[in-house]
Each structure stands twice: as C-alpha cells, then as structure tokens.
N, C-alpha and C. Protein backbone atom coordinates (compact mmCIF):
# COMPACT_ATOMS: atom_id res chain seq x y z
N UNK A 1 -132.78 -107.01 -111.81
CA UNK A 1 -132.62 -108.46 -111.76
C UNK A 1 -132.61 -108.99 -113.19
N UNK A 2 -131.75 -109.93 -113.43
CA UNK A 2 -131.67 -110.58 -114.74
C UNK A 2 -132.25 -111.98 -114.61
N UNK A 3 -133.19 -112.28 -115.47
CA UNK A 3 -133.82 -113.61 -115.46
C UNK A 3 -133.09 -114.46 -116.50
N UNK A 4 -132.29 -115.38 -116.02
CA UNK A 4 -131.50 -116.21 -116.93
C UNK A 4 -132.10 -117.59 -117.14
N UNK A 5 -133.38 -117.71 -116.82
CA UNK A 5 -134.05 -118.97 -117.15
C UNK A 5 -134.64 -118.81 -118.56
N UNK A 6 -135.23 -119.80 -119.07
CA UNK A 6 -135.83 -119.70 -120.39
C UNK A 6 -135.16 -120.62 -121.39
N UNK A 7 -135.43 -120.35 -122.65
CA UNK A 7 -134.99 -121.22 -123.73
C UNK A 7 -134.29 -120.40 -124.80
N UNK A 8 -133.22 -120.95 -125.33
CA UNK A 8 -132.43 -120.25 -126.33
C UNK A 8 -133.21 -120.15 -127.64
N UNK A 9 -133.13 -118.96 -128.27
CA UNK A 9 -133.78 -118.73 -129.56
C UNK A 9 -132.74 -118.24 -130.55
N UNK A 10 -133.05 -118.37 -131.83
CA UNK A 10 -132.15 -117.88 -132.87
C UNK A 10 -132.51 -116.42 -133.22
N UNK A 11 -131.92 -115.90 -134.25
CA UNK A 11 -132.15 -114.51 -134.67
C UNK A 11 -133.57 -114.21 -135.10
N UNK A 12 -134.33 -115.24 -135.43
CA UNK A 12 -135.74 -115.08 -135.81
C UNK A 12 -136.68 -115.38 -134.65
N UNK A 13 -136.12 -115.53 -133.46
CA UNK A 13 -136.86 -115.85 -132.23
C UNK A 13 -137.46 -117.25 -132.24
N UNK A 14 -136.87 -118.13 -133.03
CA UNK A 14 -137.31 -119.53 -133.05
C UNK A 14 -136.46 -120.32 -132.07
N UNK A 15 -137.09 -121.21 -131.31
CA UNK A 15 -136.36 -122.02 -130.35
C UNK A 15 -135.28 -122.85 -131.03
N UNK A 16 -134.11 -122.90 -130.41
CA UNK A 16 -133.03 -123.76 -130.89
C UNK A 16 -133.41 -125.22 -130.67
N UNK A 17 -133.97 -125.51 -129.48
CA UNK A 17 -134.49 -126.83 -129.14
C UNK A 17 -135.93 -126.66 -128.71
N UNK A 18 -136.76 -127.62 -129.02
CA UNK A 18 -138.15 -127.57 -128.59
C UNK A 18 -138.19 -127.58 -127.06
N UNK A 19 -138.88 -126.61 -126.44
CA UNK A 19 -138.96 -126.56 -124.98
C UNK A 19 -139.68 -127.76 -124.37
N UNK A 20 -140.53 -128.38 -125.13
CA UNK A 20 -141.30 -129.50 -124.58
C UNK A 20 -140.55 -130.82 -124.71
N UNK A 21 -140.02 -131.13 -125.89
CA UNK A 21 -139.44 -132.47 -126.09
C UNK A 21 -137.94 -132.46 -126.37
N UNK A 22 -137.34 -131.29 -126.61
CA UNK A 22 -135.90 -131.20 -126.86
C UNK A 22 -135.48 -131.43 -128.30
N UNK A 23 -136.44 -131.62 -129.21
CA UNK A 23 -136.11 -131.82 -130.62
C UNK A 23 -135.33 -130.62 -131.16
N UNK A 24 -134.29 -130.89 -131.96
CA UNK A 24 -133.48 -129.83 -132.55
C UNK A 24 -133.63 -129.76 -134.07
N UNK A 25 -134.47 -130.58 -134.64
CA UNK A 25 -134.60 -130.61 -136.09
C UNK A 25 -135.93 -130.02 -136.52
N UNK A 26 -135.84 -128.89 -137.22
CA UNK A 26 -137.01 -128.24 -137.81
C UNK A 26 -136.71 -127.98 -139.27
N UNK A 27 -137.72 -128.05 -140.11
CA UNK A 27 -137.52 -127.60 -141.48
C UNK A 27 -137.49 -126.07 -141.48
N UNK A 28 -137.02 -125.47 -142.55
CA UNK A 28 -136.83 -124.01 -142.60
C UNK A 28 -138.10 -123.22 -142.30
N UNK A 29 -139.24 -123.71 -142.75
CA UNK A 29 -140.49 -122.96 -142.57
C UNK A 29 -141.38 -123.52 -141.47
N UNK A 30 -140.83 -124.36 -140.62
CA UNK A 30 -141.65 -125.00 -139.58
C UNK A 30 -142.21 -123.99 -138.60
N UNK A 31 -143.44 -124.21 -138.21
CA UNK A 31 -144.08 -123.41 -137.16
C UNK A 31 -144.30 -124.27 -135.92
N UNK A 32 -144.32 -125.58 -136.09
CA UNK A 32 -144.55 -126.51 -134.98
C UNK A 32 -143.51 -127.60 -134.99
N UNK A 33 -143.20 -128.11 -133.81
CA UNK A 33 -142.25 -129.21 -133.67
C UNK A 33 -142.82 -130.46 -134.33
N UNK A 34 -142.00 -131.13 -135.09
CA UNK A 34 -142.45 -132.34 -135.80
C UNK A 34 -142.59 -133.54 -134.87
N UNK A 35 -142.05 -133.46 -133.67
CA UNK A 35 -142.12 -134.57 -132.73
C UNK A 35 -143.32 -134.45 -131.79
N UNK A 36 -143.49 -133.29 -131.16
CA UNK A 36 -144.57 -133.16 -130.16
C UNK A 36 -145.65 -132.15 -130.54
N UNK A 37 -145.47 -131.39 -131.62
CA UNK A 37 -146.49 -130.45 -132.07
C UNK A 37 -146.46 -129.10 -131.38
N UNK A 38 -145.44 -128.83 -130.55
CA UNK A 38 -145.35 -127.56 -129.84
C UNK A 38 -144.93 -126.45 -130.80
N UNK A 39 -145.44 -125.24 -130.61
CA UNK A 39 -145.07 -124.10 -131.43
C UNK A 39 -143.58 -123.81 -131.25
N UNK A 40 -142.85 -123.58 -132.33
CA UNK A 40 -141.41 -123.34 -132.24
C UNK A 40 -141.07 -121.89 -131.95
N UNK A 41 -142.09 -121.06 -131.71
CA UNK A 41 -141.91 -119.67 -131.31
C UNK A 41 -142.65 -119.42 -130.00
N UNK A 42 -142.12 -118.57 -129.16
CA UNK A 42 -142.79 -118.19 -127.92
C UNK A 42 -143.76 -117.05 -128.24
N UNK A 43 -144.93 -117.42 -128.72
CA UNK A 43 -145.92 -116.42 -129.12
C UNK A 43 -146.83 -116.07 -127.95
N UNK A 44 -147.33 -114.85 -127.97
CA UNK A 44 -148.27 -114.41 -126.95
C UNK A 44 -149.69 -114.82 -127.34
N UNK A 45 -150.62 -114.65 -126.41
CA UNK A 45 -152.03 -114.92 -126.70
C UNK A 45 -152.55 -114.00 -127.78
N UNK A 46 -151.98 -112.83 -127.87
CA UNK A 46 -152.39 -111.85 -128.87
C UNK A 46 -153.42 -110.88 -128.34
N UNK A 47 -153.54 -109.78 -129.04
CA UNK A 47 -154.50 -108.74 -128.68
C UNK A 47 -154.69 -107.84 -129.89
N UNK A 48 -155.72 -107.01 -129.82
CA UNK A 48 -155.94 -106.02 -130.86
C UNK A 48 -155.04 -104.82 -130.63
N UNK A 49 -154.63 -104.19 -131.71
CA UNK A 49 -153.92 -102.93 -131.56
C UNK A 49 -154.87 -101.93 -130.94
N UNK A 50 -154.34 -101.09 -130.06
CA UNK A 50 -155.20 -100.14 -129.35
C UNK A 50 -154.59 -98.74 -129.42
N UNK A 51 -155.46 -97.74 -129.36
CA UNK A 51 -154.98 -96.36 -129.32
C UNK A 51 -154.61 -95.98 -127.88
N UNK A 52 -154.20 -94.75 -127.68
CA UNK A 52 -153.75 -94.33 -126.35
C UNK A 52 -154.84 -94.35 -125.29
N UNK A 53 -156.11 -94.48 -125.71
CA UNK A 53 -157.23 -94.55 -124.78
C UNK A 53 -157.69 -95.98 -124.52
N UNK A 54 -157.04 -96.94 -125.16
CA UNK A 54 -157.39 -98.34 -124.97
C UNK A 54 -158.46 -98.85 -125.93
N UNK A 55 -158.85 -98.01 -126.89
CA UNK A 55 -159.87 -98.43 -127.86
C UNK A 55 -159.24 -99.26 -128.95
N UNK A 56 -159.97 -100.30 -129.38
CA UNK A 56 -159.47 -101.16 -130.46
C UNK A 56 -159.26 -100.32 -131.70
N UNK A 57 -158.06 -100.42 -132.25
CA UNK A 57 -157.71 -99.57 -133.37
C UNK A 57 -157.30 -100.36 -134.62
N UNK A 58 -156.82 -101.55 -134.41
CA UNK A 58 -156.30 -102.30 -135.54
C UNK A 58 -156.62 -103.77 -135.44
N UNK A 59 -155.97 -104.57 -136.27
CA UNK A 59 -156.25 -106.01 -136.31
C UNK A 59 -155.69 -106.76 -135.10
N UNK A 60 -156.18 -107.96 -134.92
CA UNK A 60 -155.69 -108.84 -133.87
C UNK A 60 -154.28 -109.26 -134.24
N UNK A 61 -153.35 -109.15 -133.30
CA UNK A 61 -151.95 -109.47 -133.57
C UNK A 61 -151.40 -110.42 -132.53
N UNK A 62 -150.61 -111.39 -133.00
CA UNK A 62 -149.86 -112.30 -132.14
C UNK A 62 -148.40 -111.97 -132.35
N UNK A 63 -147.66 -111.85 -131.26
CA UNK A 63 -146.25 -111.45 -131.33
C UNK A 63 -145.33 -112.57 -130.89
N UNK A 64 -144.15 -112.59 -131.49
CA UNK A 64 -143.10 -113.52 -131.09
C UNK A 64 -142.24 -112.86 -130.02
N UNK A 65 -141.83 -113.65 -129.04
CA UNK A 65 -141.07 -113.13 -127.92
C UNK A 65 -139.80 -113.95 -127.69
N UNK A 66 -138.89 -113.39 -126.90
CA UNK A 66 -137.65 -114.08 -126.55
C UNK A 66 -137.96 -115.28 -125.66
N UNK A 67 -136.97 -116.12 -125.44
CA UNK A 67 -137.17 -117.40 -124.77
C UNK A 67 -137.39 -117.36 -123.27
N UNK A 68 -137.29 -116.20 -122.63
CA UNK A 68 -137.60 -116.13 -121.21
C UNK A 68 -138.78 -115.20 -120.93
N UNK A 69 -139.49 -114.77 -121.97
CA UNK A 69 -140.62 -113.86 -121.79
C UNK A 69 -141.84 -114.60 -121.28
N UNK A 70 -142.36 -114.11 -120.18
CA UNK A 70 -143.59 -114.65 -119.61
C UNK A 70 -144.79 -113.88 -120.13
N UNK A 71 -144.54 -112.62 -120.44
CA UNK A 71 -145.57 -111.73 -120.98
C UNK A 71 -144.99 -111.01 -122.19
N UNK A 72 -145.85 -110.71 -123.14
CA UNK A 72 -145.43 -110.07 -124.38
C UNK A 72 -144.98 -108.63 -124.12
N UNK A 73 -143.86 -108.26 -124.71
CA UNK A 73 -143.35 -106.90 -124.57
C UNK A 73 -144.16 -105.90 -125.40
N UNK A 74 -144.97 -106.38 -126.31
CA UNK A 74 -145.70 -105.50 -127.20
C UNK A 74 -147.15 -105.27 -126.77
N UNK A 75 -147.79 -106.32 -126.26
CA UNK A 75 -149.21 -106.18 -125.89
C UNK A 75 -149.50 -106.57 -124.44
N UNK A 76 -148.54 -107.15 -123.74
CA UNK A 76 -148.70 -107.49 -122.33
C UNK A 76 -149.45 -108.78 -122.05
N UNK A 77 -149.81 -109.52 -123.09
CA UNK A 77 -150.54 -110.77 -122.91
C UNK A 77 -149.57 -111.90 -122.53
N UNK A 78 -150.05 -112.93 -121.83
CA UNK A 78 -149.19 -114.07 -121.47
C UNK A 78 -148.64 -114.78 -122.71
N UNK A 79 -147.44 -115.31 -122.56
CA UNK A 79 -146.84 -116.07 -123.65
C UNK A 79 -147.13 -117.56 -123.48
N UNK A 80 -146.85 -118.28 -124.54
CA UNK A 80 -147.07 -119.71 -124.56
C UNK A 80 -146.25 -120.45 -123.50
N UNK A 81 -145.01 -120.02 -123.28
CA UNK A 81 -144.17 -120.70 -122.30
C UNK A 81 -144.75 -120.58 -120.89
N UNK A 82 -145.34 -119.45 -120.57
CA UNK A 82 -145.96 -119.28 -119.27
C UNK A 82 -147.24 -120.10 -119.18
N UNK A 83 -148.07 -120.03 -120.21
CA UNK A 83 -149.33 -120.76 -120.20
C UNK A 83 -149.13 -122.27 -120.12
N UNK A 84 -148.09 -122.76 -120.77
CA UNK A 84 -147.79 -124.20 -120.76
C UNK A 84 -146.97 -124.62 -119.54
N UNK A 85 -146.69 -123.67 -118.67
CA UNK A 85 -145.93 -123.90 -117.43
C UNK A 85 -144.51 -124.42 -117.69
N UNK A 86 -143.94 -123.97 -118.83
CA UNK A 86 -142.56 -124.29 -119.13
C UNK A 86 -141.62 -123.22 -118.57
N UNK A 87 -142.19 -122.10 -118.13
CA UNK A 87 -141.48 -121.09 -117.35
C UNK A 87 -142.26 -120.89 -116.07
N UNK A 88 -141.55 -120.78 -114.96
CA UNK A 88 -142.22 -120.52 -113.68
C UNK A 88 -142.58 -119.03 -113.61
N UNK A 89 -143.62 -118.69 -112.87
CA UNK A 89 -143.94 -117.27 -112.68
C UNK A 89 -142.74 -116.52 -112.12
N UNK A 90 -142.61 -115.27 -112.50
CA UNK A 90 -141.43 -114.50 -112.09
C UNK A 90 -141.28 -114.39 -110.58
N UNK A 91 -142.38 -114.40 -109.84
CA UNK A 91 -142.29 -114.30 -108.39
C UNK A 91 -141.59 -115.52 -107.78
N UNK A 92 -141.81 -116.69 -108.37
CA UNK A 92 -141.12 -117.90 -107.90
C UNK A 92 -139.64 -117.84 -108.24
N UNK A 93 -139.31 -117.32 -109.42
CA UNK A 93 -137.91 -117.25 -109.84
C UNK A 93 -137.18 -116.24 -108.97
N UNK A 94 -137.81 -115.09 -108.68
CA UNK A 94 -137.19 -114.09 -107.81
C UNK A 94 -136.85 -114.69 -106.46
N UNK A 95 -137.78 -115.41 -105.87
CA UNK A 95 -137.58 -116.02 -104.57
C UNK A 95 -136.45 -117.02 -104.59
N UNK A 96 -136.39 -117.87 -105.61
CA UNK A 96 -135.34 -118.88 -105.67
C UNK A 96 -133.97 -118.24 -105.92
N UNK A 97 -133.91 -117.16 -106.71
CA UNK A 97 -132.63 -116.49 -106.94
C UNK A 97 -132.15 -115.78 -105.68
N UNK A 98 -133.08 -115.21 -104.91
CA UNK A 98 -132.70 -114.57 -103.66
C UNK A 98 -132.16 -115.60 -102.67
N UNK A 99 -132.75 -116.79 -102.65
CA UNK A 99 -132.30 -117.86 -101.75
C UNK A 99 -130.90 -118.34 -102.10
N UNK A 100 -130.51 -118.20 -103.38
CA UNK A 100 -129.22 -118.69 -103.84
C UNK A 100 -128.11 -117.66 -103.65
N UNK A 101 -128.41 -116.45 -103.19
CA UNK A 101 -127.38 -115.44 -103.01
C UNK A 101 -126.33 -115.94 -102.02
N UNK A 102 -125.09 -115.64 -102.34
CA UNK A 102 -123.97 -116.08 -101.51
C UNK A 102 -123.82 -115.13 -100.32
N UNK A 103 -123.76 -115.66 -99.10
CA UNK A 103 -123.57 -114.79 -97.95
C UNK A 103 -122.13 -114.28 -97.88
N UNK A 104 -121.96 -113.09 -97.30
CA UNK A 104 -120.64 -112.50 -97.16
C UNK A 104 -120.29 -112.37 -95.68
N UNK A 105 -118.99 -112.50 -95.38
CA UNK A 105 -118.56 -112.29 -93.99
C UNK A 105 -118.34 -110.80 -93.74
N UNK A 106 -117.85 -110.44 -92.55
CA UNK A 106 -117.70 -109.03 -92.19
C UNK A 106 -116.65 -108.31 -93.02
N UNK A 107 -115.76 -109.06 -93.69
CA UNK A 107 -114.74 -108.45 -94.56
C UNK A 107 -115.23 -108.31 -95.99
N UNK A 108 -116.46 -108.71 -96.24
CA UNK A 108 -117.00 -108.63 -97.59
C UNK A 108 -116.61 -109.78 -98.48
N UNK A 109 -116.06 -110.84 -97.87
CA UNK A 109 -115.67 -112.02 -98.64
C UNK A 109 -116.77 -113.07 -98.58
N UNK A 110 -117.05 -113.69 -99.72
CA UNK A 110 -118.11 -114.72 -99.70
C UNK A 110 -117.63 -115.96 -98.96
N UNK A 111 -118.53 -116.57 -98.22
CA UNK A 111 -118.21 -117.88 -97.66
C UNK A 111 -119.26 -118.86 -98.08
N UNK A 112 -118.80 -120.08 -98.27
CA UNK A 112 -119.64 -121.13 -98.81
C UNK A 112 -119.82 -122.23 -97.80
C-alpha cells in the first residue's frame, strides 16, 4: 500500500509549506515557522542509540523524516505530524483507501 497523504518536503526534508498554517516563507536557517511557531521538519520524539540487545549505546538523537512518516524510520518513535494529529493514524487511512476502491464488473471493467 502506498500512503499518499502527508506534506511535501524539499531535499533537506523541510516542509515546502507549514503543515499547520500553510506559510511558505522561511529564512534559509529557519527551524520553526515564523507565523505559527511549528517545526519546519517532521522530527521524531527521539531516542538513544541502542546496541543489538537494546542497551543504550550512544547519545539521544532526534531524526528528520519525510512528510508522510507517522513513525521514525531510524528509531521507531512517533513523529511530530502524528503527535500533532496533522496525519491520521495509518489504520484510519487504510480503511478510507479501501472504501475508495473502484468496484469492477464481471468483465473486469470499473463502474462508477
């Protein structure tokens, strides 16, 4: 399944538009939206680096994620977009996408 919800990001994983207020103007080094104060990156809650046994091994790290990530691909912690309810839980999105599937007739042709 492809999750095509979310927010567009640039090559540095910075939002093109603020997910909260829609602002498109950021200074080059901005970390927060100048209009509403929202973080311009979809960062995770963060976690400590861990070894293969789950023991804390390194420093606390916060990771930047793509615009549809609900959980961090690096540490598995929830992202800001999920915590702020700007992305719906994946189970809700799965259900709504399944409901939108186009039915087919006996010849395999879609009917609307």
